[in-house]
Amino acid sequence: MEQSKEYSHAKKRVEAKMGFYTHFAVFVAVVLFLAIINFFASPGTMWVHWPFLGWGAAVALHFVFAFLFPGRFAVTEDMIRKELSKS
């Protein structure tokens, strides 16, 4: 049972990291696409930095929770187990 619990935790951490990689790849692709549109459609007015900054902050938070504080998933699982034991 203990090995499956460890496997479950590891799987969730890997899924969180893969979710970040997907989020980051989409972020880079969209920001590059917006930069190209900005360059050709309105080269005199730079607006691409606004979506970059806003979405970039979300990507940075995703990084923090996926890599720096991955323990939040263990806390969530403990809370779920406690709720299940009440019923």
C-alpha atoms as a PDB file:
ATOM      1  CA  MET A   1       0.000   0.000   0.000  1.00  0.00           C
ATOM      2  CA  GLU A   2       2.819   2.401   0.876  1.00  0.00           C
ATOM      3  CA  GLN A   3       4.458   1.993  -2.510  1.00  0.00           C
ATOM      4  CA  SER A   4       1.232   2.866  -4.324  1.00  0.00           C
ATOM      5  CA  LYS A   5       0.891   5.969  -2.128  1.00  0.00           C
ATOM      6  CA  GLU A   6       4.413   7.057  -3.034  1.00  0.00           C
ATOM      7  CA  TYR A   7       3.714   6.296  -6.685  1.00  0.00           C
ATOM      8  CA  SER A   8       0.530   8.369  -6.532  1.00  0.00           C
ATOM      9  CA  HIS A   9       2.401  11.350  -5.064  1.00  0.00           C
ATOM     10  CA  ALA A  10       5.169  11.066  -7.639  1.00  0.00           C
ATOM     11  CA  LYS A  11       2.641  10.798 -10.451  1.00  0.00           C
ATOM     12  CA  LYS A  12       0.884  13.963  -9.299  1.00  0.00           C
ATOM     13  CA  ARG A  13       4.173  15.866  -9.093  1.00  0.00           C
ATOM     14  CA  VAL A  14       5.107  14.734 -12.604  1.00  0.00           C
ATOM     15  CA  GLU A  15       1.662  15.714 -13.901  1.00  0.00           C
ATOM     16  CA  ALA A  16       2.052  19.153 -12.292  1.00  0.00           C
ATOM     17  CA  LYS A  17       5.442  19.615 -13.962  1.00  0.00           C
ATOM     18  CA  MET A  18       4.130  18.452 -17.335  1.00  0.00           C
ATOM     19  CA  GLY A  19       1.219  20.860 -16.941  1.00  0.00           C
ATOM     20  CA  PHE A  20       3.698  23.671 -16.417  1.00  0.00           C
ATOM     21  CA  TYR A  21       5.722  22.676 -19.499  1.00  0.00           C
ATOM     22  CA  THR A  22       2.549  22.701 -21.603  1.00  0.00           C
ATOM     23  CA  HIS A  23       1.483  26.063 -20.178  1.00  0.00           C
ATOM     24  CA  PHE A  24       4.937  27.532 -20.836  1.00  0.00           C
ATOM     25  CA  ALA A  25       5.074  26.226 -24.423  1.00  0.00           C
ATOM     26  CA  VAL A  26       1.655  27.681 -25.241  1.00  0.00           C
ATOM     27  CA  PHE A  27       2.671  30.963 -23.592  1.00  0.00           C
ATOM     28  CA  VAL A  28       5.833  31.244 -25.704  1.00  0.00           C
ATOM     29  CA  ALA A  29       4.024  30.351 -28.936  1.00  0.00           C
ATOM     30  CA  VAL A  30       1.182  32.817 -28.357  1.00  0.00           C
ATOM     31  CA  VAL A  31       3.455  35.673 -27.265  1.00  0.00           C
ATOM     32  CA  LEU A  32       5.649  35.148 -30.338  1.00  0.00           C
ATOM     33  CA  PHE A  33       2.546  35.127 -32.538  1.00  0.00           C
ATOM     34  CA  LEU A  34       1.293  38.326 -30.886  1.00  0.00           C
ATOM     35  CA  ALA A  35       4.715  39.941 -31.303  1.00  0.00           C
ATOM     36  CA  ILE A  36       4.625  39.182 -35.042  1.00  0.00           C
ATOM     37  CA  ILE A  37       1.116  40.624 -35.287  1.00  0.00           C
ATOM     38  CA  ASN A  38       2.214  43.689 -33.322  1.00  0.00           C
ATOM     39  CA  PHE A  39       5.257  44.198 -35.544  1.00  0.00           C
ATOM     40  CA  PHE A  40       3.316  44.013 -38.811  1.00  0.00           C
ATOM     41  CA  ALA A  41      -0.055  45.497 -37.837  1.00  0.00           C
ATOM     42  CA  SER A  42       1.067  48.411 -35.655  1.00  0.00           C
ATOM     43  CA  PRO A  43       4.843  48.788 -35.581  1.00  0.00           C
ATOM     44  CA  GLY A  44       4.616  52.285 -34.104  1.00  0.00           C
ATOM     45  CA  THR A  45       2.659  51.141 -31.046  1.00  0.00           C
ATOM     46  CA  MET A  46       4.098  48.369 -28.941  1.00  0.00           C
ATOM     47  CA  TRP A  47       1.327  46.584 -27.039  1.00  0.00           C
ATOM     48  CA  VAL A  48       2.650  43.020 -26.945  1.00  0.00           C
ATOM     49  CA  HIS A  49       4.325  43.592 -23.584  1.00  0.00           C
ATOM     50  CA  TRP A  50       0.933  43.785 -21.826  1.00  0.00           C
ATOM     51  CA  PRO A  51      -0.192  40.226 -22.564  1.00  0.00           C
ATOM     52  CA  PHE A  52       3.399  39.109 -21.981  1.00  0.00           C
ATOM     53  CA  LEU A  53       3.460  40.636 -18.492  1.00  0.00           C
ATOM     54  CA  GLY A  54      -0.016  39.482 -17.490  1.00  0.00           C
ATOM     55  CA  TRP A  55       0.247  35.941 -18.741  1.00  0.00           C
ATOM     56  CA  GLY A  56       3.901  35.780 -17.725  1.00  0.00           C
ATOM     57  CA  ALA A  57       2.890  36.386 -14.114  1.00  0.00           C
ATOM     58  CA  ALA A  58       0.504  33.427 -14.309  1.00  0.00           C
ATOM     59  CA  VAL A  59       3.233  31.248 -15.821  1.00  0.00           C
ATOM     60  CA  ALA A  60       5.609  32.305 -13.052  1.00  0.00           C
ATOM     61  CA  LEU A  61       3.064  31.323 -10.387  1.00  0.00           C
ATOM     62  CA  HIS A  62       2.509  28.008 -12.146  1.00  0.00           C
ATOM     63  CA  PHE A  63       6.273  27.416 -12.002  1.00  0.00           C
ATOM     64  CA  VAL A  64       6.376  28.213  -8.287  1.00  0.00           C
ATOM     65  CA  PHE A  65       3.583  25.763  -7.449  1.00  0.00           C
ATOM     66  CA  ALA A  66       4.857  23.024  -9.770  1.00  0.00           C
ATOM     67  CA  PHE A  67       8.542  23.119  -8.817  1.00  0.00           C
ATOM     68  CA  LEU A  68       9.167  25.099  -5.643  1.00  0.00           C
ATOM     69  CA  PHE A  69       6.141  24.121  -3.524  1.00  0.00           C
ATOM     70  CA  PRO A  70       4.981  20.735  -4.807  1.00  0.00           C
ATOM     71  CA  GLY A  71       3.828  19.671  -1.337  1.00  0.00           C
ATOM     72  CA  ARG A  72       0.445  21.313  -1.713  1.00  0.00           C
ATOM     73  CA  PHE A  73      -0.811  18.129  -3.408  1.00  0.00           C
ATOM     74  CA  ALA A  74       0.008  16.059  -0.329  1.00  0.00           C
ATOM     75  CA  VAL A  75      -1.966  18.488   1.824  1.00  0.00           C
ATOM     76  CA  THR A  76      -4.938  18.205  -0.531  1.00  0.00           C
ATOM     77  CA  GLU A  77      -4.816  14.405  -0.419  1.00  0.00           C
ATOM     78  CA  ASP A  78      -4.694  14.455   3.388  1.00  0.00           C
ATOM     79  CA  MET A  79      -7.767  16.691   3.474  1.00  0.00           C
ATOM     80  CA  ILE A  80      -9.600  14.348   1.077  1.00  0.00           C
ATOM     81  CA  ARG A  81      -8.742  11.334   3.250  1.00  0.00           C
ATOM     82  CA  LYS A  82     -10.022  13.127   6.358  1.00  0.00           C
ATOM     83  CA  GLU A  83     -13.308  13.976   4.622  1.00  0.00           C
ATOM     84  CA  LEU A  84     -13.709  10.399   3.417  1.00  0.00           C
ATOM     85  CA  SER A  85     -13.096   9.013   6.903  1.00  0.00           C
ATOM     86  CA  LYS A  86     -15.909  11.196   8.307  1.00  0.00           C
ATOM     87  CA  SER A  87     -18.542   9.428   6.223  1.00  0.00           C
END
